[in-house]
Amino acid sequence: MSGEVSRTGQYAVIFPNQRTSEDGEGYGAMAERMVELAAEQPGFCGIDSTRGEDGFGITVSYWDSLEAIEAWRDQAEHLEAQRLGRKRWYHSFDVHIAKIDRSYTFSK
């Protein structure tokens, strides 16, 4: 979870997705690598992700600008992960980009 960080003014890339029934060789390693690689990109601000037993997942990455999102979209290793995702790992997905106008946090 993103914790106590205010996301106001950041951009969110929202990635709801449905995995294929075959788990797909290499998915876990690629997913871990993408999180590591995203964290190295200029403008990266954080990530939240979850997946249900039915294969439905949602990942939200946070960025400081649209330019940072575009650079991430076009990063070479990420392009390869996108190609493999379409070919092997995802039945369907959406990508939504939104500017965060307000951000609230609660924790016990």
C-alpha atoms as a PDB file:
ATOM      1  CA  MET A   1       0.000   0.000   0.000  1.00  0.00           C
ATOM      2  CA  SER A   2       1.077   3.546  -0.554  1.00  0.00           C
ATOM      3  CA  GLY A   3       0.919   4.408   3.170  1.00  0.00           C
ATOM      4  CA  GLU A   4       0.785   7.995   4.363  1.00  0.00           C
ATOM      5  CA  VAL A   5       1.973   9.645   1.154  1.00  0.00           C
ATOM      6  CA  SER A   6      -0.305  12.294  -0.341  1.00  0.00           C
ATOM      7  CA  ARG A   7      -0.813  11.652  -4.051  1.00  0.00           C
ATOM      8  CA  THR A   8      -2.427  15.040  -4.741  1.00  0.00           C
ATOM      9  CA  GLY A   9      -1.076  16.486  -7.993  1.00  0.00           C
ATOM     10  CA  GLN A  10       0.397  13.199  -9.176  1.00  0.00           C
ATOM     11  CA  TYR A  11      -0.821  11.105 -12.085  1.00  0.00           C
ATOM     12  CA  ALA A  12      -2.116   7.567 -11.668  1.00  0.00           C
ATOM     13  CA  VAL A  13      -1.754   4.880 -14.314  1.00  0.00           C
ATOM     14  CA  ILE A  14      -4.522   2.420 -13.473  1.00  0.00           C
ATOM     15  CA  PHE A  15      -4.062  -1.049 -14.965  1.00  0.00           C
ATOM     16  CA  PRO A  16      -6.993  -3.431 -14.301  1.00  0.00           C
ATOM     17  CA  ASN A  17      -6.258  -6.772 -15.924  1.00  0.00           C
ATOM     18  CA  GLN A  18      -7.390 -10.356 -16.254  1.00  0.00           C
ATOM     19  CA  ARG A  19      -4.676 -12.985 -16.442  1.00  0.00           C
ATOM     20  CA  THR A  20      -4.942 -15.946 -18.778  1.00  0.00           C
ATOM     21  CA  SER A  21      -5.752 -19.343 -17.270  1.00  0.00           C
ATOM     22  CA  GLU A  22      -2.221 -20.542 -17.939  1.00  0.00           C
ATOM     23  CA  ASP A  23       0.016 -18.799 -15.451  1.00  0.00           C
ATOM     24  CA  GLY A  24       2.634 -18.172 -18.072  1.00  0.00           C
ATOM     25  CA  GLU A  25       6.284 -18.963 -17.720  1.00  0.00           C
ATOM     26  CA  GLY A  26       8.294 -16.087 -16.356  1.00  0.00           C
ATOM     27  CA  TYR A  27       5.390 -13.849 -15.303  1.00  0.00           C
ATOM     28  CA  GLY A  28       6.433 -13.493 -11.659  1.00  0.00           C
ATOM     29  CA  ALA A  29      10.033 -12.636 -12.486  1.00  0.00           C
ATOM     30  CA  MET A  30       8.945 -10.140 -15.145  1.00  0.00           C
ATOM     31  CA  ALA A  31       6.447  -8.483 -12.786  1.00  0.00           C
ATOM     32  CA  GLU A  32       9.136  -8.091 -10.115  1.00  0.00           C
ATOM     33  CA  ARG A  33      11.571  -6.689 -12.668  1.00  0.00           C
ATOM     34  CA  MET A  34       9.006  -4.154 -13.896  1.00  0.00           C
ATOM     35  CA  VAL A  35       8.458  -2.843 -10.348  1.00  0.00           C
ATOM     36  CA  GLU A  36      12.234  -2.541  -9.840  1.00  0.00           C
ATOM     37  CA  LEU A  37      12.690  -0.863 -13.212  1.00  0.00           C
ATOM     38  CA  ALA A  38       9.766   1.538 -12.751  1.00  0.00           C
ATOM     39  CA  ALA A  39      11.229   2.635  -9.404  1.00  0.00           C
ATOM     40  CA  GLU A  40      14.429   3.653 -11.240  1.00  0.00           C
ATOM     41  CA  GLN A  41      12.578   5.873 -13.732  1.00  0.00           C
ATOM     42  CA  PRO A  42      12.563   9.659 -13.353  1.00  0.00           C
ATOM     43  CA  GLY A  43       9.166  10.813 -12.127  1.00  0.00           C
ATOM     44  CA  PHE A  44       8.142   7.523 -10.487  1.00  0.00           C
ATOM     45  CA  CYS A  45       6.329   8.131  -7.180  1.00  0.00           C
ATOM     46  CA  GLY A  46       5.062   4.689  -6.089  1.00  0.00           C
ATOM     47  CA  ILE A  47       2.917   1.668  -6.850  1.00  0.00           C
ATOM     48  CA  ASP A  48      -0.003  -0.310  -5.405  1.00  0.00           C
ATOM     49  CA  SER A  49      -0.987  -3.732  -6.723  1.00  0.00           C
ATOM     50  CA  THR A  50      -3.265  -6.646  -5.894  1.00  0.00           C
ATOM     51  CA  ARG A  51      -4.480  -9.851  -7.562  1.00  0.00           C
ATOM     52  CA  GLY A  52      -7.418 -12.132  -6.739  1.00  0.00           C
ATOM     53  CA  GLU A  53      -7.506 -15.910  -6.948  1.00  0.00           C
ATOM     54  CA  ASP A  54      -9.634 -15.602 -10.098  1.00  0.00           C
ATOM     55  CA  GLY A  55      -6.723 -13.911 -11.895  1.00  0.00           C
ATOM     56  CA  PHE A  56      -8.184 -10.404 -11.838  1.00  0.00           C
ATOM     57  CA  GLY A  57      -5.661  -7.818 -10.740  1.00  0.00           C
ATOM     58  CA  ILE A  58      -5.192  -4.106 -10.580  1.00  0.00           C
ATOM     59  CA  THR A  59      -1.980  -2.144 -10.449  1.00  0.00           C
ATOM     60  CA  VAL A  60      -1.817   1.588  -9.938  1.00  0.00           C
ATOM     61  CA  SER A  61       1.481   3.349 -10.512  1.00  0.00           C
ATOM     62  CA  TYR A  62       1.990   6.986  -9.585  1.00  0.00           C
ATOM     63  CA  TRP A  63       4.001   9.525 -11.580  1.00  0.00           C
ATOM     64  CA  ASP A  64       4.847  13.200 -11.323  1.00  0.00           C
ATOM     65  CA  SER A  65       4.091  14.065 -14.977  1.00  0.00           C
ATOM     66  CA  LEU A  66       2.567  12.830 -18.203  1.00  0.00           C
ATOM     67  CA  GLU A  67       6.052  12.962 -19.749  1.00  0.00           C
ATOM     68  CA  ALA A  68       7.312  10.507 -17.124  1.00  0.00           C
ATOM     69  CA  ILE A  69       4.423   8.157 -17.948  1.00  0.00           C
ATOM     70  CA  GLU A  70       5.209   8.354 -21.663  1.00  0.00           C
ATOM     71  CA  ALA A  71       8.889   7.663 -21.027  1.00  0.00           C
ATOM     72  CA  TRP A  72       7.946   4.612 -18.932  1.00  0.00           C
ATOM     73  CA  ARG A  73       5.535   3.392 -21.611  1.00  0.00           C
ATOM     74  CA  ASP A  74       8.356   3.556 -24.177  1.00  0.00           C
ATOM     75  CA  GLN A  75      11.171   2.114 -21.999  1.00  0.00           C
ATOM     76  CA  ALA A  76      12.777  -0.826 -23.868  1.00  0.00           C
ATOM     77  CA  GLU A  77      12.397  -3.554 -21.198  1.00  0.00           C
ATOM     78  CA  HIS A  78       8.875  -2.384 -20.453  1.00  0.00           C
ATOM     79  CA  LEU A  79       8.006  -2.605 -24.166  1.00  0.00           C
ATOM     80  CA  GLU A  80       9.142  -6.251 -24.130  1.00  0.00           C
ATOM     81  CA  ALA A  81       7.032  -6.941 -21.030  1.00  0.00           C
ATOM     82  CA  GLN A  82       4.045  -5.366 -22.799  1.00  0.00           C
ATOM     83  CA  ARG A  83       4.607  -7.589 -25.840  1.00  0.00           C
ATOM     84  CA  LEU A  84       4.831 -10.743 -23.714  1.00  0.00           C
ATOM     85  CA  GLY A  85       1.806  -9.678 -21.681  1.00  0.00           C
ATOM     86  CA  ARG A  86      -0.330  -9.433 -24.800  1.00  0.00           C
ATOM     87  CA  LYS A  87       1.028 -12.700 -26.169  1.00  0.00           C
ATOM     88  CA  ARG A  88       1.049 -14.894 -23.019  1.00  0.00           C
ATOM     89  CA  TRP A  89      -0.107 -13.484 -19.718  1.00  0.00           C
ATOM     90  CA  TYR A  90      -3.206 -11.322 -20.127  1.00  0.00           C
ATOM     91  CA  HIS A  91      -6.647 -12.236 -21.369  1.00  0.00           C
ATOM     92  CA  SER A  92      -7.610  -8.556 -21.234  1.00  0.00           C
ATOM     93  CA  PHE A  93      -6.564  -5.265 -19.699  1.00  0.00           C
ATOM     94  CA  ASP A  94      -7.315  -1.552 -19.650  1.00  0.00           C
ATOM     95  CA  VAL A  95      -5.015   1.391 -19.060  1.00  0.00           C
ATOM     96  CA  HIS A  96      -6.446   4.553 -17.519  1.00  0.00           C
ATOM     97  CA  ILE A  97      -4.435   7.682 -16.777  1.00  0.00           C
ATOM     98  CA  ALA A  98      -5.848  10.172 -14.305  1.00  0.00           C
ATOM     99  CA  LYS A  99      -4.665  13.274 -12.472  1.00  0.00           C
ATOM    100  CA  ILE A 100      -5.191  13.019  -8.723  1.00  0.00           C
ATOM    101  CA  ASP A 101      -7.002  16.090  -7.430  1.00  0.00           C
ATOM    102  CA  ARG A 102      -7.391  14.895  -3.855  1.00  0.00           C
ATOM    103  CA  SER A 103      -5.682  12.237  -1.796  1.00  0.00           C
ATOM    104  CA  TYR A 104      -6.674  10.966   1.629  1.00  0.00           C
ATOM    105  CA  THR A 105      -5.092   8.358   3.878  1.00  0.00           C
ATOM    106  CA  PHE A 106      -6.450   6.311   6.764  1.00  0.00           C
ATOM    107  CA  SER A 107      -4.598   3.777   8.824  1.00  0.00           C
ATOM    108  CA  LYS A 108      -5.037   2.207  12.248  1.00  0.00           C
END
